[in-house]
Amino acid sequence: MQLKETFERVKRASKSLALLSDGQRNEILNAVADAIINNKVRILDANAQDLAKMSKDNPLYDRLQLTDSRLEGIASDMRNVATLPTPLGHITKQRTLPNGLRLCRVSVPFGVIGMIYEARPNVTFDVFSLCFKSGNACVLKGGKDADCSNREEVALIHEILEKYGVSPDVVALLPATHEATGEMLNAVGYVDLCIPRGGRKLIDFVRDTARVPVIETGAGVVNTYFDEEGDLGMGKAIINNAKTRRVSVCNALDCLLIHESRLPDLPALCEKMAEKNVIIYADEKAFAALSGKYPYLEHATEDSFGTEFMDYKLAIKTVASLDEALDHIDANGSGHSESIITMNEATARKFQAHVDAACVYWNVPTSFTDGAQFGLGAEIGISTQKLGPRGPMALEEICTYKWLIEGEGQTRP
């Protein structure tokens, strides 16, 4: 294992984080946030090198791009994380047994968290802030598309850590190679938890290959159902926001399900999306309703449904009932985020009870599936699995616990 020495250093450094107080961690996070703002030019220059290698037509270009305002947002999120209560040392269970033993279950860091992600340089800062606040060291494996950005960001973090006398080994960035991914996934005894953040292909590879524990995140095939009792004005705003706010993120809308009785309203529901040149792949009934009334219209195929587009593309399927919409989501959703637009509470409650997803919305766009929007600070990813964390993962979700047992010399009979 060529990176064994790196993993050993991170594991060793992770122990030192326990010696820092929450106040010290917060001070360092605020210092890194200040450094992001004070070194914007340096970070943006590195990001420009990455952007120069990618076509602007690539859907991932938006994810890759850093700007002044995005760096301001990243720094603000980091400062926000510093204001949050520490997730460590929380007593989650406590009892005294009949024999006098005192049991206490307390929250503690995982230790070393490995993060694998693609063309998203903001994730570097987000993961650092959440891991550092929760007492975890982190091993980062970014994609080659963002390598210049990631290396500049980690260099900046290391400078601040060294300034405060903290080992820079609590954050390590691996080479942007497939071999490095494989070594991380096999770093048993060094990496306590691995979190992949990216498309389905990456997540499937990590799950199928890893020998270290994994939490699946990210892949989002997102549906919204416009019910027969949906409000037209509300629907227009929700659908447009869910689809066009940022098409490359995992909470973006991929498929609109519409009740057949509302097909006459479909042109109005879609008209705002034409301003962003959204290509619509419509089934036969929806195609007929939009024909001549929407400029970027194509016939849907079987592949149009169950696809995470990450682009200005949307599938539309007509359904005859709520049950048919639920069946479609069961067959094509990814367990990430689903939404219903309706004024009928009974219909909405049935939808929320039936849909098997981490986040289920009623009259709200799925674009709100985000740790910061949920009041969690930044997020390390959106978990789509059921074992362990589910939905936006922030500070509490990257902690585990241990039992502390105290007595006066009791022995077991």
Protein backbone atom coordinates (compact mmCIF):
# COMPACT_ATOMS: atom_id res chain seq x y z
CA MET A 1 0.00 0.00 0.00
CA GLN A 2 1.93 3.01 -1.29
CA LEU A 3 -0.07 5.52 0.77
CA LYS A 4 0.26 3.59 4.03
CA GLU A 5 2.61 6.21 5.49
CA THR A 6 0.03 8.93 4.77
CA PHE A 7 -2.73 6.93 6.42
CA GLU A 8 -0.51 6.25 9.44
CA ARG A 9 0.23 9.97 9.88
CA VAL A 10 -3.46 10.89 9.68
CA LYS A 11 -4.42 8.16 12.16
CA ARG A 12 -1.74 9.33 14.57
CA ALA A 13 -2.75 12.98 14.18
CA SER A 14 -6.42 12.15 14.77
CA LYS A 15 -5.60 11.30 18.39
CA SER A 16 -4.30 14.82 18.97
CA LEU A 17 -7.65 16.37 18.08
CA ALA A 18 -9.06 15.07 21.37
CA LEU A 19 -6.73 17.47 23.18
CA LEU A 20 -8.35 20.54 21.60
CA SER A 21 -11.23 22.30 23.31
CA ASP A 22 -14.33 23.26 21.36
CA GLY A 23 -13.28 26.89 21.73
CA GLN A 24 -9.92 26.18 20.12
CA ARG A 25 -11.59 24.33 17.25
CA ASN A 26 -13.95 27.25 16.68
CA GLU A 27 -11.10 29.76 16.70
CA ILE A 28 -9.24 27.76 14.05
CA LEU A 29 -12.37 27.37 11.88
CA ASN A 30 -12.90 31.14 11.96
CA ALA A 31 -9.25 31.67 11.07
CA VAL A 32 -9.60 29.37 8.05
CA ALA A 33 -12.78 31.23 7.02
CA ASP A 34 -10.85 34.53 7.20
CA ALA A 35 -8.03 33.00 5.17
CA ILE A 36 -10.49 31.95 2.44
CA ILE A 37 -11.60 35.55 2.03
CA ASN A 38 -8.09 36.97 2.29
CA ASN A 39 -6.76 34.52 -0.29
CA LYS A 40 -9.57 34.62 -2.84
CA VAL A 41 -7.25 35.44 -5.71
CA ARG A 42 -4.99 32.53 -4.90
CA ILE A 43 -7.90 30.06 -4.75
CA LEU A 44 -9.63 31.43 -7.85
CA ASP A 45 -6.38 31.27 -9.84
CA ALA A 46 -6.06 27.58 -9.00
CA ASN A 47 -9.72 27.05 -9.85
CA ALA A 48 -9.20 28.80 -13.19
CA GLN A 49 -6.54 26.19 -14.05
CA ASP A 50 -9.10 23.45 -13.47
CA LEU A 51 -11.84 25.26 -15.38
CA ALA A 52 -9.55 25.73 -18.37
CA LYS A 53 -9.44 21.95 -18.79
CA MET A 54 -13.23 21.52 -18.87
CA SER A 55 -15.75 22.56 -21.52
CA LYS A 56 -18.32 25.11 -20.36
CA ASP A 57 -20.96 22.84 -21.89
CA ASN A 58 -20.10 20.09 -19.39
CA PRO A 59 -22.86 19.87 -16.73
CA LEU A 60 -20.12 19.52 -14.10
CA TYR A 61 -18.66 22.93 -15.02
CA ASP A 62 -21.03 24.69 -12.63
CA ARG A 63 -20.07 22.35 -9.79
CA LEU A 64 -16.40 22.94 -10.48
CA GLN A 65 -16.56 26.70 -10.67
CA LEU A 66 -15.66 28.88 -7.68
CA THR A 67 -16.51 32.58 -7.63
CA ASP A 68 -16.13 35.46 -5.18
CA SER A 69 -19.69 34.98 -3.99
CA ARG A 70 -19.31 31.21 -3.66
CA LEU A 71 -16.15 31.63 -1.59
CA GLU A 72 -18.01 34.13 0.59
CA GLY A 73 -20.70 31.51 1.05
CA ILE A 74 -18.17 28.79 1.88
CA ALA A 75 -16.52 31.03 4.48
CA SER A 76 -19.90 31.95 5.93
CA ASP A 77 -20.86 28.27 6.23
CA MET A 78 -17.58 27.57 8.01
CA ARG A 79 -18.20 30.38 10.49
CA ASN A 80 -21.68 29.02 11.00
CA VAL A 81 -20.28 25.57 11.81
CA ALA A 82 -18.07 27.23 14.42
CA THR A 83 -21.16 28.67 16.15
CA LEU A 84 -22.92 25.30 16.39
CA PRO A 85 -22.90 23.31 19.63
CA THR A 86 -20.24 20.64 19.79
CA PRO A 87 -21.55 17.16 18.93
CA LEU A 88 -18.99 15.60 21.27
CA GLY A 89 -19.45 14.54 24.87
CA HIS A 90 -23.25 14.29 24.68
CA ILE A 91 -24.62 11.73 27.13
CA THR A 92 -27.24 9.82 25.17
CA LYS A 93 -27.98 7.14 27.79
CA GLN A 94 -27.21 6.89 31.46
CA ARG A 95 -28.22 4.39 34.13
CA THR A 96 -27.11 2.67 37.32
CA LEU A 97 -27.51 -1.11 37.44
CA PRO A 98 -28.76 -3.01 40.51
CA ASN A 99 -25.16 -4.07 41.23
CA GLY A 100 -24.09 -0.42 41.44
CA LEU A 101 -22.32 -0.18 38.06
CA ARG A 102 -22.77 3.24 36.49
CA LEU A 103 -23.21 3.18 32.68
CA CYS A 104 -22.94 6.21 30.42
CA ARG A 105 -23.14 6.31 26.64
CA VAL A 106 -21.31 9.36 25.25
CA SER A 107 -20.80 10.74 21.72
CA VAL A 108 -17.25 10.60 20.31
CA PRO A 109 -15.58 11.08 16.89
CA PHE A 110 -15.29 8.24 14.40
CA GLY A 111 -11.57 9.01 14.18
CA VAL A 112 -10.55 9.20 10.51
CA ILE A 113 -13.13 9.88 7.82
CA GLY A 114 -12.28 9.23 4.18
CA MET A 115 -14.10 11.36 1.63
CA ILE A 116 -14.23 10.57 -2.10
CA TYR A 117 -15.76 13.25 -4.31
CA GLU A 118 -15.72 14.50 -7.86
CA ALA A 119 -15.56 17.98 -9.42
CA ARG A 120 -16.69 19.88 -6.32
CA PRO A 121 -13.91 21.96 -4.71
CA ASN A 122 -16.34 23.43 -2.16
CA VAL A 123 -16.55 19.96 -0.60
CA THR A 124 -12.91 20.25 0.53
CA PHE A 125 -13.71 23.14 2.86
CA ASP A 126 -17.10 21.73 3.91
CA VAL A 127 -15.67 18.35 4.89
CA PHE A 128 -12.77 19.92 6.76
CA SER A 129 -15.05 22.19 8.79
CA LEU A 130 -17.43 19.41 9.81
CA CYS A 131 -14.69 16.88 10.54
CA PHE A 132 -12.57 19.33 12.51
CA LYS A 133 -15.53 20.58 14.56
CA SER A 134 -16.49 16.98 15.40
CA GLY A 135 -12.95 15.94 16.30
CA ASN A 136 -12.36 13.79 13.22
CA ALA A 137 -9.30 13.78 10.99
CA CYS A 138 -10.03 13.44 7.27
CA VAL A 139 -8.47 11.89 4.21
CA LEU A 140 -9.71 13.58 1.04
CA LYS A 141 -9.75 12.04 -2.42
CA GLY A 142 -10.97 14.59 -4.95
CA GLY A 143 -11.39 14.14 -8.68
CA LYS A 144 -8.73 15.12 -11.19
CA ASP A 145 -11.03 17.83 -12.59
CA ALA A 146 -10.69 19.84 -9.36
CA ASP A 147 -7.18 18.84 -8.32
CA CYS A 148 -5.56 22.29 -8.60
CA SER A 149 -8.37 23.86 -6.56
CA ASN A 150 -8.30 21.15 -3.92
CA ARG A 151 -4.53 21.31 -3.48
CA GLU A 152 -4.59 25.08 -3.01
CA GLU A 153 -7.42 24.80 -0.49
CA VAL A 154 -5.68 22.09 1.55
CA ALA A 155 -2.42 24.05 1.47
CA LEU A 156 -4.29 27.03 2.92
CA ILE A 157 -5.86 24.87 5.66
CA HIS A 158 -2.44 23.43 6.52
CA GLU A 159 -0.98 26.93 6.89
CA ILE A 160 -3.63 27.90 9.43
CA LEU A 161 -3.31 24.62 11.35
CA GLU A 162 0.46 25.04 11.63
CA LYS A 163 -0.02 28.64 12.78
CA TYR A 164 -2.12 27.34 15.68
CA GLY A 165 0.23 24.48 16.50
CA VAL A 166 -2.05 21.74 15.19
CA SER A 167 -0.63 18.90 13.10
CA PRO A 168 -1.47 19.48 9.41
CA ASP A 169 -1.80 15.70 9.13
CA VAL A 170 -5.37 15.96 10.47
CA VAL A 171 -6.23 16.79 6.83
CA ALA A 172 -4.63 14.87 3.96
CA LEU A 173 -5.36 15.13 0.24
CA LEU A 174 -4.55 12.00 -1.76
CA PRO A 175 -3.41 12.00 -5.40
CA ALA A 176 -6.28 12.34 -7.88
CA THR A 177 -5.83 8.81 -9.23
CA HIS A 178 -7.94 5.66 -9.32
CA GLU A 179 -5.14 3.86 -7.50
CA ALA A 180 -5.45 6.26 -4.55
CA THR A 181 -9.18 5.55 -4.38
CA GLY A 182 -8.47 1.83 -4.21
CA GLU A 183 -5.91 2.29 -1.43
CA MET A 184 -8.31 4.36 0.66
CA LEU A 185 -11.06 1.77 0.28
CA ASN A 186 -8.66 -0.88 1.56
CA ALA A 187 -7.11 1.16 4.40
CA VAL A 188 -8.43 -1.13 7.12
CA GLY A 189 -7.23 0.02 10.53
CA TYR A 190 -6.59 3.56 9.31
CA VAL A 191 -9.84 4.86 7.78
CA ASP A 192 -12.79 4.39 10.14
CA LEU A 193 -15.51 5.48 7.71
CA CYS A 194 -15.60 6.26 3.99
CA ILE A 195 -18.18 8.53 2.39
CA PRO A 196 -18.44 8.74 -1.42
CA ARG A 197 -20.09 11.86 -2.80
CA GLY A 198 -20.86 11.81 -6.49
CA GLY A 199 -22.76 10.01 -9.22
CA ARG A 200 -24.20 6.52 -9.18
CA LYS A 201 -21.15 5.02 -10.92
CA LEU A 202 -18.79 6.28 -8.20
CA ILE A 203 -21.06 5.22 -5.34
CA ASP A 204 -21.61 1.74 -6.78
CA PHE A 205 -17.85 1.29 -7.22
CA VAL A 206 -17.12 2.34 -3.64
CA ARG A 207 -19.85 0.14 -2.16
CA ASP A 208 -18.76 -2.90 -4.20
CA THR A 209 -15.02 -2.42 -3.60
CA ALA A 210 -14.55 -1.08 -0.06
CA ARG A 211 -13.20 -3.11 2.84
CA VAL A 212 -13.73 -0.16 5.19
CA PRO A 213 -17.22 0.90 6.38
CA VAL A 214 -19.13 3.03 3.84
CA ILE A 215 -22.09 5.41 3.99
CA GLU A 216 -23.70 5.91 0.57
CA THR A 217 -24.56 9.47 -0.42
CA GLY A 218 -25.38 11.66 -3.33
CA ALA A 219 -27.03 9.95 -6.27
CA GLY A 220 -30.41 11.62 -6.66
CA VAL A 221 -33.09 10.60 -9.15
CA VAL A 222 -35.65 13.16 -8.01
CA ASN A 223 -39.38 13.21 -8.83
CA THR A 224 -42.14 15.74 -8.18
CA TYR A 225 -45.83 14.83 -8.49
CA PHE A 226 -48.29 17.58 -9.52
CA ASP A 227 -51.58 16.28 -8.18
CA GLU A 228 -55.09 16.86 -9.54
CA GLU A 229 -55.56 19.31 -6.64
CA GLY A 230 -52.22 21.08 -7.09
CA ASP A 231 -52.12 24.89 -7.09
CA LEU A 232 -50.99 26.16 -10.50
CA GLY A 233 -49.08 29.22 -9.30
CA MET A 234 -47.34 27.26 -6.56
CA GLY A 235 -46.56 24.45 -8.98
CA LYS A 236 -44.94 26.77 -11.53
CA ALA A 237 -42.60 28.22 -8.90
CA ILE A 238 -41.74 24.90 -7.25
CA ILE A 239 -41.06 23.00 -10.48
CA ASN A 240 -38.94 25.79 -11.97
CA ASN A 241 -36.89 26.19 -8.79
CA ALA A 242 -36.36 22.46 -8.36
CA LYS A 243 -35.19 22.05 -11.96
CA THR A 244 -33.27 25.22 -12.81
CA ARG A 245 -31.81 26.60 -9.57
CA ARG A 246 -28.69 24.45 -10.00
CA VAL A 247 -29.02 21.55 -12.40
CA SER A 248 -25.78 19.82 -11.43
CA VAL A 249 -26.68 19.15 -7.80
CA CYS A 250 -28.18 15.93 -6.45
CA ASN A 251 -31.44 17.56 -5.27
CA ALA A 252 -32.34 18.90 -8.74
CA LEU A 253 -35.59 17.69 -10.30
CA ASP A 254 -35.31 14.92 -12.90
CA CYS A 255 -38.91 13.85 -13.53
CA LEU A 256 -42.24 15.66 -13.27
CA LEU A 257 -45.25 13.39 -12.73
CA ILE A 258 -48.54 15.06 -13.63
CA HIS A 259 -52.11 13.92 -13.06
CA GLU A 260 -53.84 13.50 -16.41
CA SER A 261 -56.65 15.88 -15.41
CA ARG A 262 -54.07 18.70 -15.18
CA LEU A 263 -52.53 18.24 -18.63
CA PRO A 264 -54.18 21.49 -19.87
CA ASP A 265 -52.05 23.32 -17.27
CA LEU A 266 -48.80 21.68 -18.36
CA PRO A 267 -47.71 24.49 -20.74
CA ALA A 268 -48.12 27.03 -17.95
CA LEU A 269 -46.23 24.81 -15.49
CA CYS A 270 -43.30 24.54 -17.91
CA GLU A 271 -43.13 28.01 -19.46
CA LYS A 272 -40.50 29.42 -17.05
CA MET A 273 -38.16 26.53 -17.83
CA ALA A 274 -38.07 27.56 -21.48
CA GLU A 275 -36.13 30.66 -20.39
CA LYS A 276 -33.31 28.30 -19.33
CA ASN A 277 -33.59 26.14 -22.50
CA VAL A 278 -34.63 23.08 -20.52
CA ILE A 279 -35.14 20.10 -22.84
CA ILE A 280 -38.28 18.19 -21.94
CA TYR A 281 -38.62 14.46 -22.67
CA ALA A 282 -42.39 13.94 -22.54
CA ASP A 283 -44.52 10.81 -22.73
CA GLU A 284 -47.24 10.72 -25.41
CA LYS A 285 -49.97 12.51 -23.46
CA ALA A 286 -47.62 15.18 -22.12
CA PHE A 287 -46.06 15.61 -25.56
CA ALA A 288 -49.49 16.27 -27.06
CA ALA A 289 -50.27 18.82 -24.33
CA LEU A 290 -46.98 20.68 -24.92
CA SER A 291 -46.76 20.37 -28.70
CA GLY A 292 -46.55 23.83 -30.26
CA LYS A 293 -46.50 25.42 -26.78
CA TYR A 294 -43.03 24.53 -25.57
CA PRO A 295 -39.94 25.05 -27.76
CA TYR A 296 -37.56 22.35 -26.49
CA LEU A 297 -39.70 19.23 -26.67
CA GLU A 298 -38.71 15.64 -27.41
CA HIS A 299 -40.38 12.25 -27.08
CA ALA A 300 -39.50 10.35 -23.93
CA THR A 301 -37.98 6.88 -24.05
CA GLU A 302 -37.75 4.26 -21.29
CA ASP A 303 -34.30 5.65 -20.45
CA SER A 304 -35.78 9.08 -19.77
CA PHE A 305 -37.25 7.85 -16.49
CA GLY A 306 -34.98 6.88 -13.62
CA THR A 307 -32.15 9.04 -15.01
CA GLU A 308 -30.23 11.62 -12.96
CA PHE A 309 -29.71 14.24 -15.67
CA MET A 310 -27.49 16.80 -13.87
CA ASP A 311 -28.30 19.03 -16.85
CA TYR A 312 -31.03 21.28 -18.26
CA LYS A 313 -33.17 18.25 -19.04
CA LEU A 314 -36.45 17.00 -17.56
CA ALA A 315 -38.64 13.96 -18.08
CA ILE A 316 -42.43 14.22 -17.80
CA LYS A 317 -44.77 11.28 -17.19
CA THR A 318 -48.57 11.39 -17.08
CA VAL A 319 -50.32 9.37 -14.38
CA ALA A 320 -53.99 8.61 -13.75
CA SER A 321 -53.80 8.52 -9.95
CA LEU A 322 -51.71 9.08 -6.85
CA ASP A 323 -51.11 5.33 -6.66
CA GLU A 324 -49.66 5.31 -10.18
CA ALA A 325 -47.34 8.19 -9.21
CA LEU A 326 -46.23 6.28 -6.11
CA ASP A 327 -45.57 3.15 -8.18
CA HIS A 328 -43.41 5.19 -10.57
CA ILE A 329 -41.37 6.63 -7.70
CA ASP A 330 -40.95 3.18 -6.16
CA ALA A 331 -39.60 1.88 -9.46
CA ASN A 332 -37.46 4.85 -10.50
CA GLY A 333 -36.51 6.92 -7.44
CA SER A 334 -33.17 6.64 -5.65
CA GLY A 335 -34.34 7.27 -2.09
CA HIS A 336 -32.99 10.84 -2.09
CA SER A 337 -35.74 13.50 -2.32
CA GLU A 338 -39.33 13.41 -3.60
CA SER A 339 -42.08 16.04 -3.59
CA ILE A 340 -45.85 16.37 -4.04
CA ILE A 341 -47.75 19.52 -5.01
CA THR A 342 -51.34 19.35 -3.78
CA MET A 343 -53.86 21.26 -1.68
CA ASN A 344 -55.35 18.00 -0.40
CA GLU A 345 -53.84 17.14 2.99
CA ALA A 346 -55.00 13.52 2.93
CA THR A 347 -53.30 13.02 -0.43
CA ALA A 348 -50.13 14.67 0.82
CA ARG A 349 -50.03 12.58 4.00
CA LYS A 350 -50.48 9.38 2.00
CA PHE A 351 -47.64 10.44 -0.29
CA GLN A 352 -45.34 11.22 2.64
CA ALA A 353 -46.20 7.96 4.40
CA HIS A 354 -45.68 5.80 1.31
CA VAL A 355 -42.60 7.33 -0.34
CA ASP A 356 -39.38 5.63 0.75
CA ALA A 357 -36.86 8.49 0.57
CA ALA A 358 -34.61 10.40 2.95
CA CYS A 359 -36.52 13.67 2.33
CA VAL A 360 -40.20 13.85 1.35
CA TYR A 361 -41.70 17.28 0.59
CA TRP A 362 -45.22 18.71 0.40
CA ASN A 363 -45.62 21.94 -1.58
CA VAL A 364 -41.86 22.61 -1.35
CA PRO A 365 -39.12 22.14 -3.99
CA THR A 366 -36.54 19.42 -3.44
CA SER A 367 -33.83 22.08 -3.75
CA PHE A 368 -34.05 22.46 0.05
CA THR A 369 -32.35 19.09 0.64
CA ASP A 370 -29.18 20.62 2.00
CA GLY A 371 -27.49 20.61 5.38
CA ALA A 372 -27.23 24.38 5.60
CA GLN A 373 -30.89 24.80 4.63
CA PHE A 374 -31.85 22.32 7.35
CA GLY A 375 -29.98 24.41 9.92
CA LEU A 376 -27.18 21.86 10.27
CA GLY A 377 -24.37 24.12 9.07
CA ALA A 378 -22.47 22.68 6.11
CA GLU A 379 -23.05 19.09 5.05
CA ILE A 380 -20.74 16.20 4.30
CA GLY A 381 -23.29 14.59 1.99
CA ILE A 382 -26.88 13.35 1.64
CA SER A 383 -27.21 9.77 2.82
CA THR A 384 -29.65 7.69 0.78
CA GLN A 385 -29.26 4.53 2.84
CA LYS A 386 -31.23 3.42 5.90
CA LEU A 387 -28.52 1.93 8.11
CA GLY A 388 -27.08 4.77 10.16
CA PRO A 389 -27.52 8.40 9.05
CA ARG A 390 -30.21 9.28 6.49
CA GLY A 391 -30.61 12.58 4.63
CA PRO A 392 -28.25 15.56 5.13
CA MET A 393 -25.22 14.48 7.17
CA ALA A 394 -23.66 17.08 9.42
CA LEU A 395 -21.95 17.12 12.81
CA GLU A 396 -24.04 14.60 14.75
CA GLU A 397 -24.07 12.14 11.84
CA ILE A 398 -20.26 11.85 11.75
CA CYS A 399 -19.99 10.95 15.40
CA THR A 400 -20.36 7.57 17.04
CA TYR A 401 -20.48 6.69 20.74
CA LYS A 402 -18.79 4.65 23.39
CA TRP A 403 -19.91 3.28 26.75
CA LEU A 404 -18.18 4.44 29.93
CA ILE A 405 -18.61 2.07 32.88
CA GLU A 406 -17.64 2.91 36.45
CA GLY A 407 -17.80 0.86 39.63
CA GLU A 408 -16.23 0.04 42.98
CA GLY A 409 -14.63 -3.31 42.26
CA GLN A 410 -17.74 -5.29 41.31
CA THR A 411 -17.11 -8.69 39.71
CA ARG A 412 -19.45 -10.70 37.53
CA PRO A 413 -20.88 -13.87 39.05
